[in-house]
Amino acid sequence: MFEEVIRLAASFSAGMLMSLMGSFIQLRSQNILASTSTLGLDSLSILWILFFHTLSVLLGLQFSFSLQLGVGIIIFAIFGWYLAGLTSKSFKIQKILLLGLGLNLFVGALYSLWQFLFLAFNFDFPTEIIFGHFRFVQTRDLVSIVCCLFLFLIGLKKYWRQLEIFSTGLDITRLSGTDFQKMSCYFLVLTSITIFLLVFLFGGFAFLGLVLPILARALWFPRLGLKGEFIVGAVLNGLLFMLIDFVCYLVPVMGAEIPVGLLAGVIGSLSLILILRKTNTW
C-alpha cells in the first residue's frame, strides 16, 4: 500500500512540474512551441545518462547513485544559467528552438545507433529511458521531485507580479522597465535541474512539457488567466497524469506494464491536435 501511495504522489508531482515548467518557458519566450523538449533539455538528459552508462559498461566502472545525481545536477544547473543568459540578450527564441530541435534529432539518431551497437555486442542498454514510468519509484525519488516542486512554488510566489507583467505582452513588459533576468535565471536553472531529475529517476516523458501547458491554458478555467494556467491547470494536469499512470498500473498487457510516458505521449499529441484545431492556432 505504501508503494502505491509513493507512486501516486510521484506521478502527480511529475505531471504538475511538467505543466509548470512548460507554462513558464512558453510565457517567457512568448512562443507556444517552446518547452523543455523543444529546448533540448530532455535530449541532453538522456545523452548524459547514456554517457555514464557507456562508461560503466565498457570500462567496468561503477558509479554510485549519488555521484551520478550530484554531477548531473551541477552540470544542468550551469546549463540552465547559460540558457538564461541567452534569453537576456538579443538571441532570438526561434534560433534556440531550432537548436533544440536539431539536438533532439541528433540524440534520437544517436540513441538508435547506440542501442543497435550495444544489443549487437550483447551489452545491457537502458531501452526504457525514452518513455518514463514510475514502477520502481522510491521514497528518495519522491523527495527529490517534491523539493523541486516546492522550489518552483516558492519562485511563483516571489516572482508572481513579474509573471503577470510578462503575460500582458512584450510591449508592456518593455515599458514597465522591470528587470526579469533574476526571475528567468531562477526558473530556467530550476527547470533544467528538474528535467534532469525526472529523466534520471523515471525516464523521459516525450513532449508533455509542451502539451500540458496548452491543456491548462485552453481547457482549465481560462477565465482565471495566469492563475488558471499556473495553479489550477497545473494541479489538474498533475491529477490527469496520475490517473493515466494509475491506469497503466491497473491494466497490464500480457503481464507487462505500458510505460506511462508512452501512453501519455499518444494521448497528449492527439489532444494537442484537437485543441489547436479548435482554437484555430495554426
C-alpha atoms as a PDB file:
ATOM      1  CA  MET A   1       0.000   0.000   0.000  1.00  0.00           C
ATOM      2  CA  PHE A   2       2.822   2.399   0.881  1.00  0.00           C
ATOM      3  CA  GLU A   3       4.500   1.783  -2.505  1.00  0.00           C
ATOM      4  CA  GLU A   4       1.268   2.666  -4.318  1.00  0.00           C
ATOM      5  CA  VAL A   5       0.938   5.931  -2.384  1.00  0.00           C
ATOM      6  CA  ILE A   6       4.550   6.840  -3.218  1.00  0.00           C
ATOM      7  CA  ARG A   7       3.874   6.095  -6.868  1.00  0.00           C
ATOM      8  CA  LEU A   8       0.704   8.203  -6.982  1.00  0.00           C
ATOM      9  CA  ALA A   9       2.464  11.122  -5.298  1.00  0.00           C
ATOM     10  CA  ALA A  10       5.418  10.869  -7.688  1.00  0.00           C
ATOM     11  CA  SER A  11       3.267  10.807 -10.826  1.00  0.00           C
ATOM     12  CA  PHE A  12       1.161  13.726  -9.563  1.00  0.00           C
ATOM     13  CA  SER A  13       4.258  15.791  -8.731  1.00  0.00           C
ATOM     14  CA  ALA A  14       5.857  14.986 -12.103  1.00  0.00           C
ATOM     15  CA  GLY A  15       2.725  15.974 -14.023  1.00  0.00           C
ATOM     16  CA  MET A  16       2.389  19.210 -12.103  1.00  0.00           C
ATOM     17  CA  LEU A  17       6.068  20.048 -12.605  1.00  0.00           C
ATOM     18  CA  MET A  18       5.935  19.432 -16.368  1.00  0.00           C
ATOM     19  CA  SER A  19       2.904  21.693 -16.616  1.00  0.00           C
ATOM     20  CA  LEU A  20       4.535  24.472 -14.570  1.00  0.00           C
ATOM     21  CA  MET A  21       7.864  24.312 -16.385  1.00  0.00           C
ATOM     22  CA  GLY A  22       6.232  24.319 -19.793  1.00  0.00           C
ATOM     23  CA  SER A  23       3.983  27.224 -18.852  1.00  0.00           C
ATOM     24  CA  PHE A  24       6.922  29.326 -17.703  1.00  0.00           C
ATOM     25  CA  ILE A  25       9.031  28.599 -20.784  1.00  0.00           C
ATOM     26  CA  GLN A  26       6.135  29.422 -23.128  1.00  0.00           C
ATOM     27  CA  LEU A  27       5.370  32.604 -21.199  1.00  0.00           C
ATOM     28  CA  ARG A  28       8.997  33.721 -21.009  1.00  0.00           C
ATOM     29  CA  SER A  29       9.633  33.064 -24.706  1.00  0.00           C
ATOM     30  CA  GLN A  30       6.178  34.237 -25.848  1.00  0.00           C
ATOM     31  CA  ASN A  31       6.132  31.130 -28.048  1.00  0.00           C
ATOM     32  CA  ILE A  32       3.569  28.325 -27.852  1.00  0.00           C
ATOM     33  CA  LEU A  33       6.068  25.801 -29.268  1.00  0.00           C
ATOM     34  CA  ALA A  34       8.654  26.358 -26.549  1.00  0.00           C
ATOM     35  CA  SER A  35       9.065  23.615 -23.951  1.00  0.00           C
ATOM     36  CA  THR A  36      11.726  21.600 -22.191  1.00  0.00           C
ATOM     37  CA  SER A  37      11.623  19.190 -25.129  1.00  0.00           C
ATOM     38  CA  THR A  38      11.956  21.740 -27.911  1.00  0.00           C
ATOM     39  CA  LEU A  39      14.759  23.483 -25.998  1.00  0.00           C
ATOM     40  CA  GLY A  40      16.625  20.173 -25.951  1.00  0.00           C
ATOM     41  CA  LEU A  41      16.697  19.682 -22.172  1.00  0.00           C
ATOM     42  CA  ASP A  42      15.122  16.221 -22.342  1.00  0.00           C
ATOM     43  CA  SER A  43      17.598  15.084 -25.001  1.00  0.00           C
ATOM     44  CA  LEU A  44      20.569  16.429 -23.058  1.00  0.00           C
ATOM     45  CA  SER A  45      19.409  14.499 -20.000  1.00  0.00           C
ATOM     46  CA  ILE A  46      19.173  11.282 -21.998  1.00  0.00           C
ATOM     47  CA  LEU A  47      22.596  11.920 -23.521  1.00  0.00           C
ATOM     48  CA  TRP A  48      24.142  12.447 -20.083  1.00  0.00           C
ATOM     49  CA  ILE A  49      22.648   9.205 -18.719  1.00  0.00           C
ATOM     50  CA  LEU A  50      23.837   7.243 -21.771  1.00  0.00           C
ATOM     51  CA  PHE A  51      27.321   8.666 -21.305  1.00  0.00           C
ATOM     52  CA  PHE A  52      27.537   7.402 -17.733  1.00  0.00           C
ATOM     53  CA  HIS A  53      26.003   4.066 -18.733  1.00  0.00           C
ATOM     54  CA  THR A  54      28.568   3.612 -21.514  1.00  0.00           C
ATOM     55  CA  LEU A  55      31.477   4.333 -19.178  1.00  0.00           C
ATOM     56  CA  SER A  56      30.064   1.847 -16.714  1.00  0.00           C
ATOM     57  CA  VAL A  57      29.635  -0.948 -19.294  1.00  0.00           C
ATOM     58  CA  LEU A  58      32.725  -0.505 -21.453  1.00  0.00           C
ATOM     59  CA  LEU A  59      35.244   0.420 -18.760  1.00  0.00           C
ATOM     60  CA  GLY A  60      33.762  -1.627 -15.941  1.00  0.00           C
ATOM     61  CA  LEU A  61      33.456   1.450 -13.740  1.00  0.00           C
ATOM     62  CA  GLN A  62      30.859   1.588 -11.019  1.00  0.00           C
ATOM     63  CA  PHE A  63      29.336   4.999 -10.379  1.00  0.00           C
ATOM     64  CA  SER A  64      27.238   5.483  -7.293  1.00  0.00           C
ATOM     65  CA  PHE A  65      23.717   6.858  -7.493  1.00  0.00           C
ATOM     66  CA  SER A  66      24.753   9.924  -5.501  1.00  0.00           C
ATOM     67  CA  LEU A  67      27.714  10.653  -7.780  1.00  0.00           C
ATOM     68  CA  GLN A  68      25.678  10.486 -10.998  1.00  0.00           C
ATOM     69  CA  LEU A  69      22.906  12.562  -9.453  1.00  0.00           C
ATOM     70  CA  GLY A  70      25.210  15.177  -7.938  1.00  0.00           C
ATOM     71  CA  VAL A  71      27.359  15.707 -11.029  1.00  0.00           C
ATOM     72  CA  GLY A  72      24.246  15.826 -13.226  1.00  0.00           C
ATOM     73  CA  ILE A  73      22.592  18.478 -11.048  1.00  0.00           C
ATOM     74  CA  ILE A  74      25.698  20.672 -11.197  1.00  0.00           C
ATOM     75  CA  ILE A  75      26.039  20.352 -14.982  1.00  0.00           C
ATOM     76  CA  PHE A  76      22.363  21.056 -15.671  1.00  0.00           C
ATOM     77  CA  ALA A  77      22.301  23.973 -13.239  1.00  0.00           C
ATOM     78  CA  ILE A  78      25.159  25.515 -15.250  1.00  0.00           C
ATOM     79  CA  PHE A  79      23.305  24.835 -18.498  1.00  0.00           C
ATOM     80  CA  GLY A  80      20.139  26.462 -17.135  1.00  0.00           C
ATOM     81  CA  TRP A  81      22.157  29.516 -16.118  1.00  0.00           C
ATOM     82  CA  TYR A  82      23.686  29.651 -19.613  1.00  0.00           C
ATOM     83  CA  LEU A  83      20.223  29.380 -21.193  1.00  0.00           C
ATOM     84  CA  ALA A  84      19.014  32.237 -19.011  1.00  0.00           C
ATOM     85  CA  GLY A  85      21.936  34.307 -20.284  1.00  0.00           C
ATOM     86  CA  LEU A  86      20.945  33.640 -23.873  1.00  0.00           C
ATOM     87  CA  THR A  87      17.364  34.753 -23.280  1.00  0.00           C
ATOM     88  CA  SER A  88      18.568  38.007 -21.718  1.00  0.00           C
ATOM     89  CA  LYS A  89      20.338  39.015 -24.908  1.00  0.00           C
ATOM     90  CA  SER A  90      19.050  39.629 -28.415  1.00  0.00           C
ATOM     91  CA  PHE A  91      19.278  35.888 -29.050  1.00  0.00           C
ATOM     92  CA  LYS A  92      16.050  35.013 -30.848  1.00  0.00           C
ATOM     93  CA  ILE A  93      13.944  32.298 -29.259  1.00  0.00           C
ATOM     94  CA  GLN A  94      13.328  30.847 -32.721  1.00  0.00           C
ATOM     95  CA  LYS A  95      17.044  30.162 -33.020  1.00  0.00           C
ATOM     96  CA  ILE A  96      17.119  28.459 -29.618  1.00  0.00           C
ATOM     97  CA  LEU A  97      14.133  26.309 -30.616  1.00  0.00           C
ATOM     98  CA  LEU A  98      15.822  25.306 -33.866  1.00  0.00           C
ATOM     99  CA  LEU A  99      18.967  24.386 -31.964  1.00  0.00           C
ATOM    100  CA  GLY A 100      16.871  22.369 -29.517  1.00  0.00           C
ATOM    101  CA  LEU A 101      15.041  20.552 -32.303  1.00  0.00           C
ATOM    102  CA  GLY A 102      18.360  19.841 -34.010  1.00  0.00           C
ATOM    103  CA  LEU A 103      19.686  18.422 -30.749  1.00  0.00           C
ATOM    104  CA  ASN A 104      16.581  16.242 -30.446  1.00  0.00           C
ATOM    105  CA  LEU A 105      17.153  14.807 -33.926  1.00  0.00           C
ATOM    106  CA  PHE A 106      20.831  14.210 -33.177  1.00  0.00           C
ATOM    107  CA  VAL A 107      20.209  12.482 -29.844  1.00  0.00           C
ATOM    108  CA  GLY A 108      17.356  10.426 -31.308  1.00  0.00           C
ATOM    109  CA  ALA A 109      19.559   9.137 -34.120  1.00  0.00           C
ATOM    110  CA  LEU A 110      22.490   8.615 -31.757  1.00  0.00           C
ATOM    111  CA  TYR A 111      20.262   6.745 -29.310  1.00  0.00           C
ATOM    112  CA  SER A 112      19.145   4.344 -32.052  1.00  0.00           C
ATOM    113  CA  LEU A 113      22.726   3.755 -33.173  1.00  0.00           C
ATOM    114  CA  TRP A 114      23.856   3.363 -29.571  1.00  0.00           C
ATOM    115  CA  GLN A 115      21.116   0.831 -28.898  1.00  0.00           C
ATOM    116  CA  PHE A 116      21.909  -1.168 -32.032  1.00  0.00           C
ATOM    117  CA  LEU A 117      25.616  -1.434 -31.179  1.00  0.00           C
ATOM    118  CA  PHE A 118      25.003  -2.369 -27.545  1.00  0.00           C
ATOM    119  CA  LEU A 119      22.471  -5.057 -28.403  1.00  0.00           C
ATOM    120  CA  ALA A 120      24.693  -6.357 -31.219  1.00  0.00           C
ATOM    121  CA  PHE A 121      27.521  -6.920 -28.719  1.00  0.00           C
ATOM    122  CA  ASN A 122      25.138  -8.255 -26.026  1.00  0.00           C
ATOM    123  CA  PHE A 123      25.658  -5.307 -23.684  1.00  0.00           C
ATOM    124  CA  ASP A 124      22.929  -4.051 -21.370  1.00  0.00           C
ATOM    125  CA  PHE A 125      21.128  -0.988 -22.669  1.00  0.00           C
ATOM    126  CA  PRO A 126      18.556   1.242 -20.882  1.00  0.00           C
ATOM    127  CA  THR A 127      15.846   0.792 -23.507  1.00  0.00           C
ATOM    128  CA  GLU A 128      13.093   2.350 -21.360  1.00  0.00           C
ATOM    129  CA  ILE A 129      14.851   5.660 -20.884  1.00  0.00           C
ATOM    130  CA  ILE A 130      12.915   7.268 -23.753  1.00  0.00           C
ATOM    131  CA  PHE A 131       9.483   6.663 -22.186  1.00  0.00           C
ATOM    132  CA  GLY A 132       9.247   7.146 -18.441  1.00  0.00           C
ATOM    133  CA  HIS A 133       7.499   5.057 -15.828  1.00  0.00           C
ATOM    134  CA  PHE A 134       7.063   5.011 -12.042  1.00  0.00           C
ATOM    135  CA  ARG A 135       7.275   1.257 -11.469  1.00  0.00           C
ATOM    136  CA  PHE A 136      10.391   1.408  -9.332  1.00  0.00           C
ATOM    137  CA  VAL A 137       9.891   4.759  -7.623  1.00  0.00           C
ATOM    138  CA  GLN A 138      11.392   5.024  -4.147  1.00  0.00           C
ATOM    139  CA  THR A 139      10.918   7.446  -1.293  1.00  0.00           C
ATOM    140  CA  ARG A 140      14.186   9.228  -2.116  1.00  0.00           C
ATOM    141  CA  ASP A 141      12.961   9.786  -5.688  1.00  0.00           C
ATOM    142  CA  LEU A 142       9.712  11.303  -4.457  1.00  0.00           C
ATOM    143  CA  VAL A 143      11.561  13.577  -2.033  1.00  0.00           C
ATOM    144  CA  SER A 144      13.763  14.861  -4.871  1.00  0.00           C
ATOM    145  CA  ILE A 145      10.929  15.908  -7.170  1.00  0.00           C
ATOM    146  CA  VAL A 146       8.759  17.233  -4.324  1.00  0.00           C
ATOM    147  CA  CYS A 147      11.676  19.502  -3.377  1.00  0.00           C
ATOM    148  CA  CYS A 148      11.787  20.764  -6.982  1.00  0.00           C
ATOM    149  CA  LEU A 149       8.033  21.354  -6.915  1.00  0.00           C
ATOM    150  CA  PHE A 150       8.344  23.226  -3.614  1.00  0.00           C
ATOM    151  CA  LEU A 151      11.111  25.450  -5.010  1.00  0.00           C
ATOM    152  CA  PHE A 152       9.028  26.147  -8.112  1.00  0.00           C
ATOM    153  CA  LEU A 153       6.048  27.198  -5.972  1.00  0.00           C
ATOM    154  CA  ILE A 154       8.309  29.459  -3.894  1.00  0.00           C
ATOM    155  CA  GLY A 155       9.506  31.059  -7.128  1.00  0.00           C
ATOM    156  CA  LEU A 156       5.925  31.599  -8.270  1.00  0.00           C
ATOM    157  CA  LYS A 157       5.112  33.370  -5.025  1.00  0.00           C
ATOM    158  CA  LYS A 158       8.217  35.537  -5.210  1.00  0.00           C
ATOM    159  CA  TYR A 159       8.006  36.464  -8.895  1.00  0.00           C
ATOM    160  CA  TRP A 160       4.242  36.408  -9.402  1.00  0.00           C
ATOM    161  CA  ARG A 161       3.993  40.131 -10.084  1.00  0.00           C
ATOM    162  CA  GLN A 162       6.689  39.916 -12.748  1.00  0.00           C
ATOM    163  CA  LEU A 163       4.970  36.939 -14.352  1.00  0.00           C
ATOM    164  CA  GLU A 164       1.733  38.922 -14.519  1.00  0.00           C
ATOM    165  CA  ILE A 165       3.546  41.788 -16.233  1.00  0.00           C
ATOM    166  CA  PHE A 166       5.092  39.388 -18.716  1.00  0.00           C
ATOM    167  CA  SER A 167       1.705  37.850 -19.504  1.00  0.00           C
ATOM    168  CA  THR A 168       0.440  41.226 -20.769  1.00  0.00           C
ATOM    169  CA  GLY A 169       2.790  41.046 -23.762  1.00  0.00           C
ATOM    170  CA  LEU A 170       6.251  42.141 -24.788  1.00  0.00           C
ATOM    171  CA  ASP A 171       5.368  45.791 -25.433  1.00  0.00           C
ATOM    172  CA  ILE A 172       4.012  46.447 -21.932  1.00  0.00           C
ATOM    173  CA  THR A 173       6.826  44.360 -20.493  1.00  0.00           C
ATOM    174  CA  ARG A 174       9.422  46.630 -22.106  1.00  0.00           C
ATOM    175  CA  LEU A 175       7.567  49.759 -20.941  1.00  0.00           C
ATOM    176  CA  SER A 176       7.469  48.523 -17.338  1.00  0.00           C
ATOM    177  CA  GLY A 177      11.247  48.715 -17.100  1.00  0.00           C
ATOM    178  CA  THR A 178      11.328  45.656 -14.837  1.00  0.00           C
ATOM    179  CA  ASP A 179      14.472  43.518 -14.763  1.00  0.00           C
ATOM    180  CA  PHE A 180      13.394  39.940 -15.473  1.00  0.00           C
ATOM    181  CA  GLN A 181      16.853  38.390 -15.509  1.00  0.00           C
ATOM    182  CA  LYS A 182      16.777  37.105 -11.926  1.00  0.00           C
ATOM    183  CA  MET A 183      13.364  35.561 -12.482  1.00  0.00           C
ATOM    184  CA  SER A 184      14.480  33.901 -15.725  1.00  0.00           C
ATOM    185  CA  CYS A 185      17.674  32.597 -14.169  1.00  0.00           C
ATOM    186  CA  TYR A 186      15.828  31.147 -11.159  1.00  0.00           C
ATOM    187  CA  PHE A 187      13.197  29.308 -13.165  1.00  0.00           C
ATOM    188  CA  LEU A 188      15.453  28.169 -16.013  1.00  0.00           C
ATOM    189  CA  VAL A 189      18.105  26.767 -13.654  1.00  0.00           C
ATOM    190  CA  LEU A 190      15.394  25.025 -11.635  1.00  0.00           C
ATOM    191  CA  THR A 191      13.731  23.734 -14.815  1.00  0.00           C
ATOM    192  CA  SER A 192      16.997  22.374 -16.166  1.00  0.00           C
ATOM    193  CA  ILE A 193      17.735  20.546 -12.904  1.00  0.00           C
ATOM    194  CA  THR A 194      14.172  19.218 -12.636  1.00  0.00           C
ATOM    195  CA  ILE A 195      14.123  17.799 -16.158  1.00  0.00           C
ATOM    196  CA  PHE A 196      17.409  16.019 -15.485  1.00  0.00           C
ATOM    197  CA  LEU A 197      15.982  14.560 -12.263  1.00  0.00           C
ATOM    198  CA  LEU A 198      12.793  13.351 -13.970  1.00  0.00           C
ATOM    199  CA  VAL A 199      14.702  11.657 -16.794  1.00  0.00           C
ATOM    200  CA  PHE A 200      17.380  10.281 -14.473  1.00  0.00           C
ATOM    201  CA  LEU A 201      14.888   8.853 -11.977  1.00  0.00           C
ATOM    202  CA  PHE A 202      11.970   7.838 -14.178  1.00  0.00           C
ATOM    203  CA  GLY A 203      12.883   8.233 -17.864  1.00  0.00           C
ATOM    204  CA  GLY A 204      11.634  10.676 -20.488  1.00  0.00           C
ATOM    205  CA  PHE A 205       8.053  11.807 -20.961  1.00  0.00           C
ATOM    206  CA  ALA A 206       8.146  12.798 -24.633  1.00  0.00           C
ATOM    207  CA  PHE A 207       6.905  16.371 -25.166  1.00  0.00           C
ATOM    208  CA  LEU A 208       4.389  16.579 -22.310  1.00  0.00           C
ATOM    209  CA  GLY A 209       6.059  19.819 -21.240  1.00  0.00           C
ATOM    210  CA  LEU A 210       4.668  21.257 -24.469  1.00  0.00           C
ATOM    211  CA  VAL A 211       1.200  19.691 -24.324  1.00  0.00           C
ATOM    212  CA  LEU A 212       0.242  20.147 -20.658  1.00  0.00           C
ATOM    213  CA  PRO A 213       0.579  23.964 -20.609  1.00  0.00           C
ATOM    214  CA  ILE A 214      -1.632  24.199 -23.682  1.00  0.00           C
ATOM    215  CA  LEU A 215      -4.175  21.954 -21.960  1.00  0.00           C
ATOM    216  CA  ALA A 216      -4.036  24.170 -18.881  1.00  0.00           C
ATOM    217  CA  ARG A 217      -4.436  27.301 -20.994  1.00  0.00           C
ATOM    218  CA  ALA A 218      -7.197  26.008 -23.255  1.00  0.00           C
ATOM    219  CA  LEU A 219      -9.297  23.796 -21.001  1.00  0.00           C
ATOM    220  CA  TRP A 220      -8.702  24.508 -17.338  1.00  0.00           C
ATOM    221  CA  PHE A 221     -10.638  27.668 -16.381  1.00  0.00           C
ATOM    222  CA  PRO A 222      -9.104  30.046 -18.957  1.00  0.00           C
ATOM    223  CA  ARG A 223     -11.009  32.989 -17.470  1.00  0.00           C
ATOM    224  CA  LEU A 224      -8.794  32.813 -14.394  1.00  0.00           C
ATOM    225  CA  GLY A 225      -5.898  33.928 -16.581  1.00  0.00           C
ATOM    226  CA  LEU A 226      -2.428  33.257 -15.245  1.00  0.00           C
ATOM    227  CA  LYS A 227      -3.758  31.654 -12.045  1.00  0.00           C
ATOM    228  CA  GLY A 228      -5.868  29.303 -14.119  1.00  0.00           C
ATOM    229  CA  GLU A 229      -2.821  28.115 -16.029  1.00  0.00           C
ATOM    230  CA  PHE A 230      -0.125  28.077 -13.361  1.00  0.00           C
ATOM    231  CA  ILE A 231      -2.169  26.979 -10.342  1.00  0.00           C
ATOM    232  CA  VAL A 232      -5.478  25.329 -11.212  1.00  0.00           C
ATOM    233  CA  GLY A 233      -4.238  23.973 -14.540  1.00  0.00           C
ATOM    234  CA  ALA A 234      -1.018  22.594 -13.077  1.00  0.00           C
ATOM    235  CA  VAL A 235      -2.884  20.798 -10.292  1.00  0.00           C
ATOM    236  CA  LEU A 236      -5.416  19.295 -12.703  1.00  0.00           C
ATOM    237  CA  ASN A 237      -2.654  18.252 -15.101  1.00  0.00           C
ATOM    238  CA  GLY A 238      -0.912  16.560 -12.182  1.00  0.00           C
ATOM    239  CA  LEU A 239      -4.116  14.679 -11.378  1.00  0.00           C
ATOM    240  CA  LEU A 240      -4.568  13.784 -15.041  1.00  0.00           C
ATOM    241  CA  PHE A 241      -1.043  12.402 -15.316  1.00  0.00           C
ATOM    242  CA  MET A 242      -1.507  10.492 -12.060  1.00  0.00           C
ATOM    243  CA  LEU A 243      -4.728   8.975 -13.405  1.00  0.00           C
ATOM    244  CA  ILE A 244      -3.042   7.839 -16.626  1.00  0.00           C
ATOM    245  CA  ASP A 245      -0.219   6.253 -14.638  1.00  0.00           C
ATOM    246  CA  PHE A 246      -2.755   4.539 -12.349  1.00  0.00           C
ATOM    247  CA  VAL A 247      -4.492   3.050 -15.401  1.00  0.00           C
ATOM    248  CA  CYS A 248      -1.118   1.728 -16.605  1.00  0.00           C
ATOM    249  CA  TYR A 249      -0.639   0.154 -13.185  1.00  0.00           C
ATOM    250  CA  LEU A 250      -4.091  -1.467 -13.094  1.00  0.00           C
ATOM    251  CA  VAL A 251      -4.220  -2.718 -16.702  1.00  0.00           C
ATOM    252  CA  PRO A 252      -1.079  -4.667 -17.652  1.00  0.00           C
ATOM    253  CA  VAL A 253      -0.811  -6.076 -21.182  1.00  0.00           C
ATOM    254  CA  MET A 254       0.243  -9.742 -21.174  1.00  0.00           C
ATOM    255  CA  GLY A 255       1.805  -9.200 -17.777  1.00  0.00           C
ATOM    256  CA  ALA A 256       3.800  -6.153 -18.905  1.00  0.00           C
ATOM    257  CA  GLU A 257       3.068  -2.565 -17.925  1.00  0.00           C
ATOM    258  CA  ILE A 258       2.790   0.100 -20.601  1.00  0.00           C
ATOM    259  CA  PRO A 259       5.134   3.000 -19.719  1.00  0.00           C
ATOM    260  CA  VAL A 260       3.041   5.998 -18.727  1.00  0.00           C
ATOM    261  CA  GLY A 261       5.308   8.238 -20.817  1.00  0.00           C
ATOM    262  CA  LEU A 262       4.403   6.287 -23.946  1.00  0.00           C
ATOM    263  CA  LEU A 263       0.663   6.294 -23.284  1.00  0.00           C
ATOM    264  CA  ALA A 264       0.605   9.937 -22.175  1.00  0.00           C
ATOM    265  CA  GLY A 265       2.580  10.901 -25.280  1.00  0.00           C
ATOM    266  CA  VAL A 266      -0.056   9.337 -27.528  1.00  0.00           C
ATOM    267  CA  ILE A 267      -2.944  10.943 -25.634  1.00  0.00           C
ATOM    268  CA  GLY A 268      -1.135  14.276 -25.374  1.00  0.00           C
ATOM    269  CA  SER A 269      -0.244  14.519 -29.057  1.00  0.00           C
ATOM    270  CA  LEU A 270      -3.848  13.781 -30.045  1.00  0.00           C
ATOM    271  CA  SER A 271      -5.123  16.324 -27.523  1.00  0.00           C
ATOM    272  CA  LEU A 272      -2.728  18.916 -28.898  1.00  0.00           C
ATOM    273  CA  ILE A 273      -4.017  18.418 -32.446  1.00  0.00           C
ATOM    274  CA  LEU A 274      -7.650  18.683 -31.316  1.00  0.00           C
ATOM    275  CA  ILE A 275      -7.041  21.784 -29.179  1.00  0.00           C
ATOM    276  CA  LEU A 276      -5.094  23.605 -31.892  1.00  0.00           C
ATOM    277  CA  ARG A 277      -7.799  22.693 -34.358  1.00  0.00           C
ATOM    278  CA  LYS A 278     -10.490  24.010 -32.034  1.00  0.00           C
ATOM    279  CA  THR A 279      -8.695  27.259 -31.198  1.00  0.00           C
ATOM    280  CA  ASN A 280      -7.527  27.859 -34.798  1.00  0.00           C
ATOM    281  CA  THR A 281      -3.937  28.244 -33.534  1.00  0.00           C
ATOM    282  CA  TRP A 282      -2.067  27.144 -36.656  1.00  0.00           C
END
